[in-house]
Amino acid sequence: MSYLEYNVKHVPSGPRKILFLNWPLALLLGAVASVGFLMLYSVAGGSFSPWAEPQMKRFAAGFVIMLFVAMVPIWFWRNLAVVAYAVSIALLIAVEFFGAVGMGAQRWIELGPLRLQPSELMKIGLVMILAAYYDWLPVKKTSRPLWVVIPVLIILFPTALVLNQPDLGTAILLLTAGGLLMFMAGVHWGYFAVVLAALGALITAVFQSRGTDWQLLKDYQFRRIDTFLDPSSDPLGAGYHITQSKIALGSGGWTGRGFMQGTQSRLNFLPEKHTDFIFTTLAEEFGFVGAFSLLGLYALIIFFCISSALQNRDRFASLMTLGIATTFFLFFAVNMSMVMGLAPVVGVPLPLVSYGGSAMLILMLGFGLVQSAHVHRPRGAA
């Protein structure tokens, strides 16, 4: 019996599919989103508007999207990978000409009542196309130079478009997630060693060039680096956000000040408290225990994704699940590092917790793909 025949014969069909969902993963997503609802209610001063209520509606819509995507056979999504990537590229290009401007960046496109951020869609489209590429490519060719260049170009093209918006945070996520998926697909580690060595040499050259005739960055860009390394050097200017964030994190202690008792957020010292810096509000109100509990929920989501991927013998489904899990991990890792001062502030939201429309819906679509891979994996003996 061929693998395709086996796969068709041993996957659930019809209404039975709902029983084969990865329900622990679905419940964990709901738990994390509920933390977001709670914090959005808090930062609004004990009100469901203007943030908590719309976020609840978006999650409900996202959950329905996840269930719908999960019911569709995984082979359909494999065949749609090129289309998803191409549409994402087209929307990114459209943003350059017709995009709406907000907070100094041109990242959104208006589609009637919907305001879409194409870079969010690209996070899923990129994972799909790379998973489909390595599913198609024979394993023995994975590390050959020609077959390494192709996925590199697939990654770099949308990264350059996103960087031009400008959106450094998303560009870093695309580049890193794409590189990690290549590594998980079996590309030889030597390529990554060369890239890391070149990156280290570039960083060294940037710092060595400061104050010379061949200076590689502008003076204001060096000042941003200085502020990241020492926010107290400009506490009321470029270092204000991270300074206030650290105060909120530290004031929470072990158990926090209590629900809706955070002074930094309630007195509006904390900037972007409902989006990028919502984790600091959580840490201030619920302390180390609350922050670590949220981190634990995130870790369990990653665990169930990896477990599902390892049990799946379909290469596309396995790589796609790992790719979406990696993207999700980078989301919360970068956000938490950013608000703790361990990474520059690059505008990456906390997944399922920060207020936002495109990010929530696209992320739930991504987890729908994970569920589709889980539901339609072959079961039983051949």
Protein backbone atom coordinates (compact mmCIF):
# COMPACT_ATOMS: atom_id res chain seq x y z
CA MET A 1 0.00 0.00 0.00
CA SER A 2 1.43 3.38 -1.01
CA TYR A 3 1.77 6.18 1.53
CA LEU A 4 -0.95 8.19 -0.25
CA GLU A 5 -3.37 5.23 -0.17
CA TYR A 6 -2.53 4.64 3.47
CA ASN A 7 -3.01 8.30 4.31
CA VAL A 8 -6.43 8.47 2.60
CA LYS A 9 -7.59 5.24 4.25
CA HIS A 10 -6.50 5.99 7.80
CA VAL A 11 -7.54 9.59 8.39
CA PRO A 12 -10.86 10.59 9.99
CA SER A 13 -13.65 11.84 7.76
CA GLY A 14 -16.82 13.89 8.09
CA PRO A 15 -18.06 15.08 11.49
CA ARG A 16 -15.68 12.64 13.22
CA LYS A 17 -12.84 15.06 12.47
CA ILE A 18 -13.89 17.31 15.33
CA LEU A 19 -13.02 14.51 17.76
CA PHE A 20 -9.47 14.33 16.41
CA LEU A 21 -8.66 17.99 17.00
CA ASN A 22 -5.73 18.71 19.26
CA TRP A 23 -8.07 19.85 22.03
CA PRO A 24 -5.35 20.53 24.64
CA LEU A 25 -3.80 22.98 22.16
CA ALA A 26 -7.19 24.62 21.49
CA LEU A 27 -7.85 25.01 25.22
CA LEU A 28 -4.40 26.51 25.79
CA LEU A 29 -5.03 29.08 23.06
CA GLY A 30 -8.28 30.00 24.79
CA ALA A 31 -6.49 30.28 28.15
CA VAL A 32 -3.83 32.63 26.78
CA ALA A 33 -6.46 34.74 25.00
CA SER A 34 -8.42 34.96 28.27
CA VAL A 35 -5.33 36.41 29.95
CA GLY A 36 -5.36 39.04 27.22
CA PHE A 37 -9.04 39.84 27.81
CA LEU A 38 -8.35 40.23 31.52
CA MET A 39 -5.43 42.59 30.99
CA LEU A 40 -7.24 44.67 28.37
CA TYR A 41 -10.14 45.04 30.81
CA SER A 42 -7.64 46.19 33.45
CA VAL A 43 -5.77 48.76 31.35
CA ALA A 44 -9.12 50.27 30.32
CA GLY A 45 -9.84 51.01 33.98
CA GLY A 46 -12.33 48.19 34.50
CA SER A 47 -14.20 48.48 31.22
CA PHE A 48 -14.75 46.05 28.34
CA SER A 49 -14.44 48.95 25.91
CA PRO A 50 -12.54 50.05 23.97
CA TRP A 51 -10.22 47.01 23.88
CA ALA A 52 -11.44 43.86 25.68
CA GLU A 53 -14.81 43.48 23.92
CA PRO A 54 -13.46 43.82 20.33
CA GLN A 55 -10.64 41.45 21.24
CA MET A 56 -13.14 38.83 22.47
CA LYS A 57 -15.07 39.09 19.21
CA ARG A 58 -11.89 38.73 17.18
CA PHE A 59 -10.81 35.67 19.10
CA ALA A 60 -14.26 34.10 18.64
CA ALA A 61 -14.00 34.75 14.90
CA GLY A 62 -10.44 33.43 14.92
CA PHE A 63 -11.49 30.26 16.72
CA VAL A 64 -14.15 29.62 14.07
CA ILE A 65 -11.52 30.20 11.37
CA MET A 66 -9.21 27.72 13.13
CA LEU A 67 -11.94 25.05 13.21
CA PHE A 68 -12.82 25.62 9.54
CA VAL A 69 -9.19 25.40 8.42
CA ALA A 70 -8.69 22.29 10.58
CA MET A 71 -11.51 20.44 8.81
CA VAL A 72 -9.93 20.94 5.36
CA PRO A 73 -7.50 18.15 4.30
CA ILE A 74 -3.83 18.99 4.64
CA TRP A 75 -3.14 18.20 0.99
CA PHE A 76 -5.36 21.15 0.03
CA TRP A 77 -3.19 23.54 2.04
CA ARG A 78 -0.05 22.02 0.54
CA ASN A 79 -1.39 22.75 -2.94
CA LEU A 80 -2.33 26.28 -1.85
CA ALA A 81 1.14 27.15 -0.48
CA VAL A 82 2.40 28.88 -3.64
CA VAL A 83 -0.84 30.86 -3.93
CA ALA A 84 -0.66 31.95 -0.27
CA TYR A 85 2.92 33.17 -0.72
CA ALA A 86 2.13 34.92 -4.02
CA VAL A 87 -0.93 36.69 -2.57
CA SER A 88 1.11 37.81 0.45
CA ILE A 89 3.82 39.21 -1.85
CA ALA A 90 1.20 41.00 -3.96
CA LEU A 91 -0.35 42.58 -0.86
CA LEU A 92 3.08 43.67 0.43
CA ILE A 93 3.77 45.34 -2.91
CA ALA A 94 0.30 46.94 -2.86
CA VAL A 95 1.10 48.43 0.56
CA GLU A 96 3.99 50.32 -1.05
CA PHE A 97 1.54 52.17 -3.30
CA PHE A 98 -1.83 52.14 -1.54
CA GLY A 99 -1.02 51.38 2.09
CA ALA A 100 -2.44 53.34 5.00
CA VAL A 101 0.08 55.17 7.18
CA GLY A 102 0.05 54.82 10.94
CA MET A 103 2.63 55.74 13.60
CA GLY A 104 5.14 56.74 10.93
CA ALA A 105 4.97 53.47 9.01
CA GLN A 106 3.08 52.32 5.92
CA ARG A 107 2.06 48.78 6.90
CA TRP A 108 -1.70 48.43 6.41
CA ILE A 109 -4.03 48.12 3.45
CA GLU A 110 -7.72 49.01 3.55
CA LEU A 111 -10.07 46.29 2.23
CA GLY A 112 -13.49 47.81 2.83
CA PRO A 113 -14.20 47.66 6.59
CA LEU A 114 -11.17 45.41 7.12
CA ARG A 115 -7.72 46.85 7.82
CA LEU A 116 -5.19 44.16 6.93
CA GLN A 117 -1.49 44.08 7.71
CA PRO A 118 -0.03 41.94 4.89
CA SER A 119 3.20 41.30 6.78
CA GLU A 120 1.16 39.24 9.27
CA LEU A 121 -0.19 37.09 6.43
CA MET A 122 3.34 36.66 5.09
CA LYS A 123 4.42 35.00 8.35
CA ILE A 124 2.10 32.11 7.52
CA GLY A 125 2.62 32.24 3.75
CA LEU A 126 6.39 31.98 4.16
CA VAL A 127 6.11 28.93 6.41
CA MET A 128 3.73 27.25 3.95
CA ILE A 129 5.91 27.82 0.88
CA LEU A 130 9.10 26.66 2.61
CA ALA A 131 7.38 23.54 3.98
CA ALA A 132 6.00 22.77 0.50
CA TYR A 133 9.43 23.37 -1.06
CA TYR A 134 11.22 20.94 1.25
CA ASP A 135 8.37 18.45 0.89
CA TRP A 136 8.94 18.54 -2.89
CA LEU A 137 12.76 18.57 -2.75
CA PRO A 138 14.53 15.20 -2.35
CA VAL A 139 16.29 15.05 1.03
CA LYS A 140 19.68 14.36 -0.58
CA LYS A 141 19.54 17.75 -2.36
CA THR A 142 18.65 19.78 0.74
CA SER A 143 22.18 21.10 1.38
CA ARG A 144 23.38 21.52 -2.20
CA PRO A 145 24.21 25.20 -2.92
CA LEU A 146 21.69 25.71 -5.74
CA TRP A 147 18.84 24.30 -3.66
CA VAL A 148 19.89 26.43 -0.67
CA VAL A 149 19.89 29.66 -2.68
CA ILE A 150 16.25 29.26 -3.75
CA PRO A 151 14.71 29.30 -0.23
CA VAL A 152 17.10 32.09 0.78
CA LEU A 153 15.66 34.24 -2.01
CA ILE A 154 12.14 33.20 -1.01
CA ILE A 155 12.89 34.52 2.49
CA LEU A 156 14.83 37.66 1.55
CA PHE A 157 12.31 39.10 -0.93
CA PRO A 158 9.41 39.59 1.52
CA THR A 159 11.86 40.53 4.28
CA ALA A 160 13.14 43.42 2.13
CA LEU A 161 9.57 44.56 1.38
CA VAL A 162 8.65 44.54 5.08
CA LEU A 163 11.87 46.31 6.05
CA ASN A 164 11.01 49.08 3.60
CA GLN A 165 7.67 49.84 5.35
CA PRO A 166 9.60 50.16 7.78
CA ASP A 167 8.86 47.27 10.16
CA LEU A 168 12.13 46.01 11.63
CA GLY A 169 10.45 43.68 14.13
CA THR A 170 8.47 41.72 11.54
CA ALA A 171 11.45 41.65 9.16
CA ILE A 172 13.57 40.05 11.89
CA LEU A 173 10.82 37.51 12.60
CA LEU A 174 10.54 36.54 8.92
CA LEU A 175 14.29 36.20 8.51
CA THR A 176 14.77 34.20 11.70
CA ALA A 177 11.74 31.94 11.25
CA GLY A 178 12.71 31.20 7.65
CA GLY A 179 16.28 30.39 8.62
CA LEU A 180 15.19 28.11 11.47
CA LEU A 181 12.79 26.25 9.19
CA MET A 182 15.61 25.67 6.71
CA PHE A 183 17.71 24.27 9.54
CA MET A 184 14.86 21.98 10.68
CA ALA A 185 14.44 20.81 7.08
CA GLY A 186 18.00 19.49 7.17
CA VAL A 187 20.16 22.22 5.59
CA HIS A 188 23.76 21.70 6.74
CA TRP A 189 24.79 23.68 9.80
CA GLY A 190 27.87 25.00 8.00
CA TYR A 191 25.74 27.50 6.05
CA PHE A 192 24.39 28.93 9.28
CA ALA A 193 27.86 29.09 10.83
CA VAL A 194 29.05 31.20 7.88
CA VAL A 195 26.02 33.53 8.21
CA LEU A 196 26.52 33.95 11.97
CA ALA A 197 30.23 34.61 11.49
CA ALA A 198 29.48 37.23 8.82
CA LEU A 199 26.86 38.82 11.10
CA GLY A 200 29.37 38.98 13.94
CA ALA A 201 31.96 40.55 11.66
CA LEU A 202 29.40 43.13 10.44
CA ILE A 203 28.43 44.10 14.00
CA THR A 204 32.09 44.48 14.91
CA ALA A 205 32.71 46.62 11.83
CA VAL A 206 29.73 48.85 12.68
CA PHE A 207 31.08 49.62 16.14
CA GLN A 208 34.65 50.01 14.91
CA SER A 209 33.52 52.50 12.25
CA ARG A 210 32.05 54.95 14.76
CA GLY A 211 33.72 58.35 14.52
CA THR A 212 35.73 57.40 11.43
CA ASP A 213 35.52 58.58 7.83
CA TRP A 214 33.94 55.26 6.84
CA GLN A 215 31.24 55.26 9.56
CA LEU A 216 28.57 52.68 8.60
CA LEU A 217 25.65 54.15 10.55
CA LYS A 218 24.29 57.64 11.04
CA ASP A 219 24.93 59.43 14.33
CA TYR A 220 21.25 59.17 15.34
CA GLN A 221 21.35 55.40 14.76
CA PHE A 222 24.34 55.09 17.08
CA ARG A 223 22.42 57.14 19.65
CA ARG A 224 19.59 54.58 19.46
CA ILE A 225 22.11 51.82 20.16
CA ASP A 226 23.45 53.80 23.11
CA THR A 227 19.92 54.22 24.46
CA PHE A 228 19.24 50.48 24.15
CA LEU A 229 22.44 49.64 26.01
CA ASP A 230 21.83 52.35 28.65
CA PRO A 231 18.21 53.67 28.72
CA SER A 232 19.08 55.93 31.67
CA SER A 233 21.21 58.03 29.33
CA ASP A 234 17.99 59.51 27.90
CA PRO A 235 15.20 58.64 30.38
CA LEU A 236 12.75 61.27 29.12
CA GLY A 237 13.44 60.73 25.42
CA ALA A 238 14.36 57.57 23.53
CA GLY A 239 14.84 55.61 26.75
CA TYR A 240 11.45 56.54 28.25
CA HIS A 241 9.50 53.46 27.13
CA ILE A 242 11.96 50.89 28.39
CA THR A 243 12.64 52.82 31.61
CA GLN A 244 8.95 52.87 32.52
CA SER A 245 8.63 49.23 31.47
CA LYS A 246 11.43 48.18 33.83
CA ILE A 247 9.85 50.15 36.69
CA ALA A 248 6.56 48.31 36.12
CA LEU A 249 8.28 44.93 35.94
CA GLY A 250 10.25 45.53 39.12
CA SER A 251 7.37 46.96 41.12
CA GLY A 252 5.32 43.78 40.66
CA GLY A 253 7.59 41.71 42.86
CA TRP A 254 6.66 38.07 43.41
CA THR A 255 2.87 38.28 43.51
CA GLY A 256 2.14 41.71 42.07
CA ARG A 257 0.25 44.78 43.23
CA GLY A 258 -3.12 43.18 42.55
CA PHE A 259 -5.62 43.20 39.71
CA MET A 260 -6.17 46.75 38.40
CA GLN A 261 -3.76 48.11 41.02
CA GLY A 262 -0.75 48.74 38.79
CA THR A 263 0.36 52.34 39.15
CA GLN A 264 2.43 52.50 35.96
CA SER A 265 -0.48 51.51 33.75
CA ARG A 266 -3.32 53.14 35.69
CA LEU A 267 -1.49 56.50 35.84
CA ASN A 268 -0.50 56.22 32.15
CA PHE A 269 3.25 56.19 32.74
CA LEU A 270 3.48 52.99 30.70
CA PRO A 271 3.30 53.61 26.93
CA GLU A 272 1.41 51.28 24.55
CA LYS A 273 0.05 49.45 27.59
CA HIS A 274 -2.63 47.63 25.57
CA THR A 275 -0.35 46.49 22.74
CA ASP A 276 3.43 46.03 22.79
CA PHE A 277 3.91 46.62 26.54
CA ILE A 278 0.94 44.66 27.89
CA PHE A 279 3.28 42.05 29.41
CA THR A 280 4.65 44.66 31.80
CA THR A 281 1.10 45.44 32.96
CA LEU A 282 0.60 41.74 33.68
CA ALA A 283 3.90 41.55 35.57
CA GLU A 284 3.09 44.64 37.63
CA GLU A 285 -0.37 43.42 38.65
CA PHE A 286 0.37 39.69 39.08
CA GLY A 287 4.12 39.73 39.68
CA PHE A 288 6.62 37.02 38.86
CA VAL A 289 4.01 34.31 39.48
CA GLY A 290 1.63 35.75 36.87
CA ALA A 291 4.36 36.40 34.31
CA PHE A 292 5.85 32.92 34.75
CA SER A 293 2.38 31.33 34.49
CA LEU A 294 1.80 33.02 31.13
CA LEU A 295 5.23 31.87 29.98
CA GLY A 296 4.25 28.34 31.07
CA LEU A 297 1.10 28.48 28.93
CA TYR A 298 3.18 29.58 25.94
CA ALA A 299 5.66 26.75 26.58
CA LEU A 300 2.81 24.19 26.65
CA ILE A 301 1.51 25.46 23.30
CA ILE A 302 4.97 24.98 21.80
CA PHE A 303 5.21 21.52 23.40
CA PHE A 304 1.92 20.31 21.88
CA CYS A 305 2.89 21.68 18.46
CA ILE A 306 6.28 19.94 18.51
CA SER A 307 4.70 16.71 19.80
CA SER A 308 2.17 16.77 16.96
CA ALA A 309 4.89 17.46 14.38
CA LEU A 310 7.09 14.60 15.59
CA GLN A 311 4.17 12.16 15.34
CA ASN A 312 3.35 13.21 11.79
CA ARG A 313 4.96 11.25 8.95
CA ASP A 314 3.90 13.77 6.31
CA ARG A 315 6.95 15.99 5.68
CA PHE A 316 4.94 19.05 4.67
CA ALA A 317 2.60 18.81 7.65
CA SER A 318 5.47 18.25 10.08
CA LEU A 319 7.60 21.13 8.78
CA MET A 320 4.63 23.48 8.59
CA THR A 321 3.68 22.71 12.20
CA LEU A 322 7.26 23.30 13.35
CA GLY A 323 7.43 26.51 11.32
CA ILE A 324 4.26 27.96 12.83
CA ALA A 325 5.41 26.92 16.32
CA THR A 326 8.74 28.65 15.67
CA THR A 327 7.01 31.83 14.49
CA PHE A 328 4.79 31.78 17.58
CA PHE A 329 7.82 31.29 19.83
CA LEU A 330 9.66 34.20 18.22
CA PHE A 331 6.61 36.41 18.75
CA PHE A 332 6.53 36.08 22.52
CA ALA A 333 10.30 35.68 22.96
CA VAL A 334 11.05 38.94 21.13
CA ASN A 335 8.22 40.82 22.86
CA MET A 336 9.23 39.70 26.35
CA SER A 337 12.91 40.40 25.64
CA MET A 338 11.98 43.82 24.29
CA VAL A 339 9.95 44.96 27.31
CA MET A 340 12.61 43.65 29.71
CA GLY A 341 15.34 45.62 27.98
CA LEU A 342 17.10 42.53 26.62
CA ALA A 343 16.36 43.48 23.00
CA PRO A 344 15.68 46.74 21.16
CA VAL A 345 12.08 47.98 21.04
CA VAL A 346 10.98 46.85 17.58
CA GLY A 347 7.18 46.81 17.84
CA VAL A 348 6.36 43.09 18.13
CA PRO A 349 3.03 42.36 19.92
CA LEU A 350 2.54 39.66 22.55
CA PRO A 351 0.64 36.90 20.72
CA LEU A 352 -3.03 36.41 21.67
CA VAL A 353 -2.64 38.93 24.51
CA SER A 354 -1.85 42.28 22.88
CA TYR A 355 -4.75 44.17 21.33
CA GLY A 356 -4.86 43.78 17.56
CA GLY A 357 -6.95 42.48 14.68
CA SER A 358 -4.73 41.18 11.90
CA ALA A 359 -2.25 39.49 14.23
CA MET A 360 -5.00 37.65 16.15
CA LEU A 361 -6.88 36.37 13.09
CA ILE A 362 -3.77 35.37 11.13
CA LEU A 363 -2.30 33.60 14.15
CA MET A 364 -5.52 31.59 14.61
CA LEU A 365 -5.43 30.75 10.89
CA GLY A 366 -1.90 29.45 11.45
CA PHE A 367 -3.04 27.27 14.33
CA GLY A 368 -5.87 26.05 12.09
CA LEU A 369 -3.17 24.72 9.75
CA VAL A 370 -1.50 23.04 12.73
CA GLN A 371 -4.83 21.45 13.62
CA SER A 372 -5.39 20.34 10.01
CA ALA A 373 -2.00 18.62 10.03
CA HIS A 374 -2.90 16.96 13.36
CA VAL A 375 -6.41 15.85 12.33
CA HIS A 376 -5.40 14.45 8.94
CA ARG A 377 -2.29 12.58 9.94
CA PRO A 378 -2.53 8.81 9.26
CA ARG A 379 -3.64 6.63 12.16
CA GLY A 380 -3.72 2.90 12.70
CA ALA A 381 -1.58 0.18 11.17
CA ALA A 382 -0.97 -0.33 7.48
